[in-house]
């Protein structure tokens, strides 16, 4: 099941980040040159952080599920 989750959730998530970073970097480079690349990276990082926060709220803090460890 983890492979399915990675394919359905992880791959599109990574693709969205890469595509967003490429598009924003190209636009940023045309307008602000080197600073535009930094702005692009900051925009993608900020959107990712907001997405993680919203996901945590929607899933009750279990966005990054880890199986409980059995300790006898």
PDB file of N, CA and C in Angstrom:
ATOM      1  N   UNK A   1       0.816  -1.195   0.000  1.00  0.00           N
ATOM      2  CA  UNK A   1       0.000   0.000   0.000  1.00  0.00           C
ATOM      3  C   UNK A   1       0.862   1.262   0.000  1.00  0.00           C
ATOM      4  N   UNK A   2       2.051   1.188   0.595  1.00  0.00           N
ATOM      5  CA  UNK A   2       2.918   2.368   0.642  1.00  0.00           C
ATOM      6  C   UNK A   2       3.388   2.764  -0.756  1.00  0.00           C
ATOM      7  N   UNK A   3       3.624   1.773  -1.619  1.00  0.00           N
ATOM      8  CA  UNK A   3       4.036   2.075  -2.983  1.00  0.00           C
ATOM      9  C   UNK A   3       2.940   2.798  -3.751  1.00  0.00           C
ATOM     10  N   UNK A   4       1.701   2.383  -3.529  1.00  0.00           N
ATOM     11  CA  UNK A   4       0.566   3.038  -4.169  1.00  0.00           C
ATOM     12  C   UNK A   4       0.440   4.477  -3.688  1.00  0.00           C
ATOM     13  N   UNK A   5       0.592   4.682  -2.383  1.00  0.00           N
ATOM     14  CA  UNK A   5       0.491   6.032  -1.818  1.00  0.00           C
ATOM     15  C   UNK A   5       1.598   6.931  -2.364  1.00  0.00           C
ATOM     16  N   UNK A   6       2.784   6.384  -2.501  1.00  0.00           N
ATOM     17  CA  UNK A   6       3.898   7.174  -3.026  1.00  0.00           C
ATOM     18  C   UNK A   6       3.652   7.548  -4.485  1.00  0.00           C
ATOM     19  N   UNK A   7       3.076   6.615  -5.242  1.00  0.00           N
ATOM     20  CA  UNK A   7       2.818   6.877  -6.653  1.00  0.00           C
ATOM     21  C   UNK A   7       1.696   7.881  -6.840  1.00  0.00           C
ATOM     22  N   UNK A   8       0.626   7.719  -6.100  1.00  0.00           N
ATOM     23  CA  UNK A   8      -0.542   8.581  -6.258  1.00  0.00           C
ATOM     24  C   UNK A   8      -0.350   9.929  -5.580  1.00  0.00           C
ATOM     25  N   UNK A   9       0.340   9.962  -4.458  1.00  0.00           N
ATOM     26  CA  UNK A   9       0.499  11.204  -3.718  1.00  0.00           C
ATOM     27  C   UNK A   9       1.868  11.840  -3.850  1.00  0.00           C
ATOM     28  N   UNK A  10       2.901  11.033  -3.745  1.00  0.00           N
ATOM     29  CA  UNK A  10       4.261  11.559  -3.720  1.00  0.00           C
ATOM     30  C   UNK A  10       4.765  12.052  -5.056  1.00  0.00           C
ATOM     31  N   UNK A  11       4.548  11.259  -6.091  1.00  0.00           N
ATOM     32  CA  UNK A  11       5.061  11.629  -7.416  1.00  0.00           C
ATOM     33  C   UNK A  11       4.428  12.924  -7.922  1.00  0.00           C
ATOM     34  N   UNK A  12       3.097  13.068  -7.870  1.00  0.00           N
ATOM     35  CA  UNK A  12       2.516  14.348  -8.303  1.00  0.00           C
ATOM     36  C   UNK A  12       2.968  15.529  -7.449  1.00  0.00           C
ATOM     37  N   UNK A  13       3.180  15.298  -6.161  1.00  0.00           N
ATOM     38  CA  UNK A  13       3.640  16.363  -5.279  1.00  0.00           C
ATOM     39  C   UNK A  13       5.030  16.835  -5.680  1.00  0.00           C
ATOM     40  N   UNK A  14       5.923  15.907  -5.937  1.00  0.00           N
ATOM     41  CA  UNK A  14       7.279  16.266  -6.358  1.00  0.00           C
ATOM     42  C   UNK A  14       7.239  16.957  -7.717  1.00  0.00           C
ATOM     43  N   UNK A  15       6.433  16.439  -8.635  1.00  0.00           N
ATOM     44  CA  UNK A  15       6.316  17.071  -9.951  1.00  0.00           C
ATOM     45  C   UNK A  15       5.790  18.494  -9.855  1.00  0.00           C
ATOM     46  N   UNK A  16       4.804  18.716  -8.998  1.00  0.00           N
ATOM     47  CA  UNK A  16       4.259  20.064  -8.828  1.00  0.00           C
ATOM     48  C   UNK A  16       5.324  21.018  -8.301  1.00  0.00           C
ATOM     49  N   UNK A  17       6.153  20.553  -7.368  1.00  0.00           N
ATOM     50  CA  UNK A  17       7.226  21.402  -6.840  1.00  0.00           C
ATOM     51  C   UNK A  17       8.269  21.710  -7.912  1.00  0.00           C
ATOM     52  N   UNK A  18       8.650  20.700  -8.670  1.00  0.00           N
ATOM     53  CA  UNK A  18       9.672  20.898  -9.705  1.00  0.00           C
ATOM     54  C   UNK A  18       9.149  21.832 -10.802  1.00  0.00           C
ATOM     55  N   UNK A  19       7.925  21.588 -11.268  1.00  0.00           N
ATOM     56  CA  UNK A  19       7.355  22.441 -12.319  1.00  0.00           C
ATOM     57  C   UNK A  19       7.209  23.877 -11.821  1.00  0.00           C
ATOM     58  N   UNK A  20       6.718  24.047 -10.596  1.00  0.00           N
ATOM     59  CA  UNK A  20       6.588  25.391 -10.031  1.00  0.00           C
ATOM     60  C   UNK A  20       7.928  26.091  -9.917  1.00  0.00           C
ATOM     61  N   UNK A  21       8.935  25.348  -9.463  1.00  0.00           N
ATOM     62  CA  UNK A  21      10.260  25.942  -9.317  1.00  0.00           C
ATOM     63  C   UNK A  21      10.845  26.330 -10.673  1.00  0.00           C
ATOM     64  N   UNK A  22      10.674  25.482 -11.674  1.00  0.00           N
ATOM     65  CA  UNK A  22      11.199  25.792 -13.012  1.00  0.00           C
ATOM     66  C   UNK A  22      10.507  27.024 -13.588  1.00  0.00           C
ATOM     67  N   UNK A  23       9.180  27.040 -13.527  1.00  0.00           N
ATOM     68  CA  UNK A  23       8.453  28.188 -14.092  1.00  0.00           C
ATOM     69  C   UNK A  23       8.786  29.489 -13.364  1.00  0.00           C
ATOM     70  N   UNK A  24       8.773  29.450 -12.036  1.00  0.00           N
ATOM     71  CA  UNK A  24       9.082  30.670 -11.282  1.00  0.00           C
ATOM     72  C   UNK A  24      10.531  31.097 -11.469  1.00  0.00           C
ATOM     73  N   UNK A  25      11.435  30.138 -11.606  1.00  0.00           N
ATOM     74  CA  UNK A  25      12.852  30.481 -11.822  1.00  0.00           C
ATOM     75  C   UNK A  25      13.045  31.173 -13.163  1.00  0.00           C
ATOM     76  N   UNK A  26      12.373  30.682 -14.184  1.00  0.00           N
ATOM     77  CA  UNK A  26      12.501  31.305 -15.501  1.00  0.00           C
ATOM     78  C   UNK A  26      11.958  32.728 -15.485  1.00  0.00           C
ATOM     79  N   UNK A  27      10.806  32.904 -14.865  1.00  0.00           N
ATOM     80  CA  UNK A  27      10.214  34.240 -14.781  1.00  0.00           C
ATOM     81  C   UNK A  27      11.090  35.144 -13.919  1.00  0.00           C
ATOM     82  N   UNK A  28      11.533  34.624 -12.788  1.00  0.00           N
ATOM     83  CA  UNK A  28      12.378  35.409 -11.886  1.00  0.00           C
ATOM     84  C   UNK A  28      13.685  35.820 -12.521  1.00  0.00           C
ATOM     85  N   UNK A  29      14.279  34.918 -13.305  1.00  0.00           N
ATOM     86  CA  UNK A  29      15.550  35.231 -13.954  1.00  0.00           C
ATOM     87  C   UNK A  29      15.382  36.366 -14.965  1.00  0.00           C
ATOM     88  N   UNK A  30      14.273  36.346 -15.700  1.00  0.00           N
ATOM     89  CA  UNK A  30      14.037  37.406 -16.686  1.00  0.00           C
ATOM     90  C   UNK A  30      13.859  38.766 -16.032  1.00  0.00           C
ATOM     91  N   UNK A  31      13.215  38.788 -14.868  1.00  0.00           N
ATOM     92  CA  UNK A  31      12.879  40.065 -14.241  1.00  0.00           C
ATOM     93  C   UNK A  31      13.985  40.544 -13.307  1.00  0.00           C
ATOM     94  N   UNK A  32      14.460  39.666 -12.397  1.00  0.00           N
ATOM     95  CA  UNK A  32      15.401  40.102 -11.363  1.00  0.00           C
ATOM     96  C   UNK A  32      16.759  39.413 -11.400  1.00  0.00           C
ATOM     97  N   UNK A  33      17.003  38.601 -12.382  1.00  0.00           N
ATOM     98  CA  UNK A  33      18.254  37.838 -12.508  1.00  0.00           C
ATOM     99  C   UNK A  33      18.498  36.963 -11.282  1.00  0.00           C
ATOM    100  N   UNK A  34      19.631  37.092 -10.618  1.00  0.00           N
ATOM    101  CA  UNK A  34      19.981  36.217  -9.502  1.00  0.00           C
ATOM    102  C   UNK A  34      18.998  36.261  -8.352  1.00  0.00           C
ATOM    103  N   UNK A  35      18.510  37.442  -8.026  1.00  0.00           N
ATOM    104  CA  UNK A  35      17.544  37.568  -6.934  1.00  0.00           C
ATOM    105  C   UNK A  35      16.242  36.853  -7.289  1.00  0.00           C
ATOM    106  N   UNK A  36      15.901  36.812  -8.566  1.00  0.00           N
ATOM    107  CA  UNK A  36      14.693  36.124  -9.000  1.00  0.00           C
ATOM    108  C   UNK A  36      14.734  34.638  -8.713  1.00  0.00           C
ATOM    109  N   UNK A  37      15.925  34.053  -8.795  1.00  0.00           N
ATOM    110  CA  UNK A  37      16.067  32.632  -8.468  1.00  0.00           C
ATOM    111  C   UNK A  37      15.823  32.394  -6.985  1.00  0.00           C
ATOM    112  N   UNK A  38      16.312  33.301  -6.162  1.00  0.00           N
ATOM    113  CA  UNK A  38      16.079  33.185  -4.720  1.00  0.00           C
ATOM    114  C   UNK A  38      14.595  33.376  -4.405  1.00  0.00           C
ATOM    115  N   UNK A  39      13.964  34.334  -5.064  1.00  0.00           N
ATOM    116  CA  UNK A  39      12.528  34.543  -4.860  1.00  0.00           C
ATOM    117  C   UNK A  39      11.728  33.310  -5.275  1.00  0.00           C
ATOM    118  N   UNK A  40      12.124  32.676  -6.360  1.00  0.00           N
ATOM    119  CA  UNK A  40      11.434  31.471  -6.819  1.00  0.00           C
ATOM    120  C   UNK A  40      11.554  30.358  -5.790  1.00  0.00           C
ATOM    121  N   UNK A  41      12.758  30.145  -5.272  1.00  0.00           N
ATOM    122  CA  UNK A  41      12.966  29.102  -4.263  1.00  0.00           C
ATOM    123  C   UNK A  41      12.178  29.414  -2.995  1.00  0.00           C
ATOM    124  N   UNK A  42      12.171  30.676  -2.595  1.00  0.00           N
ATOM    125  CA  UNK A  42      11.408  31.056  -1.402  1.00  0.00           C
ATOM    126  C   UNK A  42       9.902  30.870  -1.609  1.00  0.00           C
ATOM    127  N   UNK A  43       9.416  31.176  -2.788  1.00  0.00           N
ATOM    128  CA  UNK A  43       7.982  31.020  -3.065  1.00  0.00           C
ATOM    129  C   UNK A  43       7.568  29.553  -3.021  1.00  0.00           C
ATOM    130  N   UNK A  44       8.383  28.680  -3.611  1.00  0.00           N
ATOM    131  CA  UNK A  44       8.063  27.250  -3.597  1.00  0.00           C
ATOM    132  C   UNK A  44       8.165  26.706  -2.176  1.00  0.00           C
ATOM    133  N   UNK A  45       9.175  27.126  -1.424  1.00  0.00           N
ATOM    134  CA  UNK A  45       9.317  26.660  -0.039  1.00  0.00           C
ATOM    135  C   UNK A  45       8.152  27.151   0.822  1.00  0.00           C
ATOM    136  N   UNK A  46       7.755  28.402   0.650  1.00  0.00           N
ATOM    137  CA  UNK A  46       6.641  28.939   1.438  1.00  0.00           C
ATOM    138  C   UNK A  46       5.342  28.208   1.110  1.00  0.00           C
ATOM    139  N   UNK A  47       5.093  27.951  -0.163  1.00  0.00           N
ATOM    140  CA  UNK A  47       3.885  27.220  -0.552  1.00  0.00           C
ATOM    141  C   UNK A  47       3.906  25.803   0.014  1.00  0.00           C
ATOM    142  N   UNK A  48       5.065  25.189   0.041  1.00  0.00           N
ATOM    143  CA  UNK A  48       5.185  23.844   0.588  1.00  0.00           C
ATOM    144  C   UNK A  48       4.915  23.829   2.090  1.00  0.00           C
ATOM    145  N   UNK A  49       5.444  24.802   2.788  1.00  0.00           N
ATOM    146  CA  UNK A  49       5.231  24.887   4.240  1.00  0.00           C
ATOM    147  C   UNK A  49       3.758  25.121   4.545  1.00  0.00           C
ATOM    148  N   UNK A  50       3.117  25.997   3.786  1.00  0.00           N
ATOM    149  CA  UNK A  50       1.685  26.239   3.977  1.00  0.00           C
ATOM    150  C   UNK A  50       0.902  24.950   3.689  1.00  0.00           C
ATOM    151  N   UNK A  51       1.269  24.239   2.644  1.00  0.00           N
ATOM    152  CA  UNK A  51       0.608  22.983   2.303  1.00  0.00           C
ATOM    153  C   UNK A  51       0.755  21.937   3.393  1.00  0.00           C
ATOM    154  N   UNK A  52       1.931  21.843   3.984  1.00  0.00           N
ATOM    155  CA  UNK A  52       2.141  20.905   5.085  1.00  0.00           C
ATOM    156  C   UNK A  52       1.272  21.294   6.270  1.00  0.00           C
ATOM    157  N   UNK A  53       1.212  22.585   6.577  1.00  0.00           N
ATOM    158  CA  UNK A  53       0.390  23.045   7.695  1.00  0.00           C
ATOM    159  C   UNK A  53      -1.083  22.747   7.487  1.00  0.00           C
ATOM    160  N   UNK A  54      -1.581  23.007   6.283  1.00  0.00           N
ATOM    161  CA  UNK A  54      -2.988  22.724   5.983  1.00  0.00           C
ATOM    162  C   UNK A  54      -3.243  21.220   6.037  1.00  0.00           C
ATOM    163  N   UNK A  55      -2.331  20.436   5.515  1.00  0.00           N
ATOM    164  CA  UNK A  55      -2.473  18.984   5.566  1.00  0.00           C
ATOM    165  C   UNK A  55      -2.513  18.467   6.998  1.00  0.00           C
ATOM    166  N   UNK A  56      -1.659  19.018   7.841  1.00  0.00           N
ATOM    167  CA  UNK A  56      -1.663  18.622   9.251  1.00  0.00           C
ATOM    168  C   UNK A  56      -3.002  18.955   9.899  1.00  0.00           C
ATOM    169  N   UNK A  57      -3.554  20.109   9.580  1.00  0.00           N
ATOM    170  CA  UNK A  57      -4.858  20.481  10.144  1.00  0.00           C
ATOM    171  C   UNK A  57      -5.970  19.572   9.632  1.00  0.00           C
ATOM    172  N   UNK A  58      -5.946  19.267   8.353  1.00  0.00           N
ATOM    173  CA  UNK A  58      -6.998  18.444   7.768  1.00  0.00           C
ATOM    174  C   UNK A  58      -6.957  16.998   8.257  1.00  0.00           C
ATOM    175  N   UNK A  59      -5.767  16.493   8.512  1.00  0.00           N
ATOM    176  CA  UNK A  59      -5.622  15.093   8.915  1.00  0.00           C
ATOM    177  C   UNK A  59      -5.344  14.939  10.404  1.00  0.00           C
ATOM    178  N   UNK A  60      -5.671  15.939  11.184  1.00  0.00           N
ATOM    179  CA  UNK A  60      -5.556  15.838  12.638  1.00  0.00           C
ATOM    180  C   UNK A  60      -4.142  15.595  13.131  1.00  0.00           C
ATOM    181  N   UNK A  61      -3.171  16.170  12.473  1.00  0.00           N
ATOM    182  CA  UNK A  61      -1.776  16.020  12.897  1.00  0.00           C
ATOM    183  C   UNK A  61      -1.139  14.718  12.464  1.00  0.00           C
ATOM    184  N   UNK A  62      -1.824  13.941  11.618  1.00  0.00           N
ATOM    185  CA  UNK A  62      -1.293  12.650  11.177  1.00  0.00           C
ATOM    186  C   UNK A  62      -0.893  12.652   9.708  1.00  0.00           C
ATOM    187  N   UNK A  63      -0.439  13.765   9.207  1.00  0.00           N
ATOM    188  CA  UNK A  63      -0.030  13.827   7.807  1.00  0.00           C
ATOM    189  C   UNK A  63       1.143  12.886   7.563  1.00  0.00           C
ATOM    190  N   UNK A  64       2.083  12.869   8.477  1.00  0.00           N
ATOM    191  CA  UNK A  64       3.250  11.994   8.373  1.00  0.00           C
ATOM    192  C   UNK A  64       3.047  10.829   9.328  1.00  0.00           C
ATOM    193  N   UNK A  65       2.251   9.858   8.917  1.00  0.00           N
ATOM    194  CA  UNK A  65       1.911   8.728   9.779  1.00  0.00           C
ATOM    195  C   UNK A  65       3.112   7.813   9.957  1.00  0.00           C
ATOM    196  N   UNK A  66       3.376   7.479  11.189  1.00  0.00           N
ATOM    197  CA  UNK A  66       4.367   6.458  11.508  1.00  0.00           C
ATOM    198  C   UNK A  66       3.692   5.424  12.385  1.00  0.00           C
ATOM    199  N   UNK A  67       3.933   4.174  12.077  1.00  0.00           N
ATOM    200  CA  UNK A  67       3.317   3.091  12.841  1.00  0.00           C
ATOM    201  C   UNK A  67       3.831   3.127  14.276  1.00  0.00           C
ATOM    202  N   UNK A  68       2.945   2.876  15.235  1.00  0.00           N
ATOM    203  CA  UNK A  68       3.392   2.869  16.629  1.00  0.00           C
ATOM    204  C   UNK A  68       4.398   1.737  16.864  1.00  0.00           C
ATOM    205  N   UNK A  69       5.356   2.017  17.687  1.00  0.00           N
ATOM    206  CA  UNK A  69       6.392   1.039  18.021  1.00  0.00           C
ATOM    207  C   UNK A  69       5.928   0.243  19.233  1.00  0.00           C
ATOM    208  N   UNK A  70       5.945  -1.084  19.095  1.00  0.00           N
ATOM    209  CA  UNK A  70       5.538  -1.940  20.217  1.00  0.00           C
ATOM    210  C   UNK A  70       6.717  -2.127  21.159  1.00  0.00           C
ATOM    211  N   UNK A  71       6.507  -1.736  22.390  1.00  0.00           N
ATOM    212  CA  UNK A  71       7.532  -1.924  23.423  1.00  0.00           C
ATOM    213  C   UNK A  71       6.925  -2.783  24.519  1.00  0.00           C
ATOM    214  N   UNK A  72       7.418  -4.007  24.690  1.00  0.00           N
ATOM    215  CA  UNK A  72       6.839  -4.899  25.702  1.00  0.00           C
ATOM    216  C   UNK A  72       7.123  -4.451  27.125  1.00  0.00           C
TER     217      UNK A  72
END
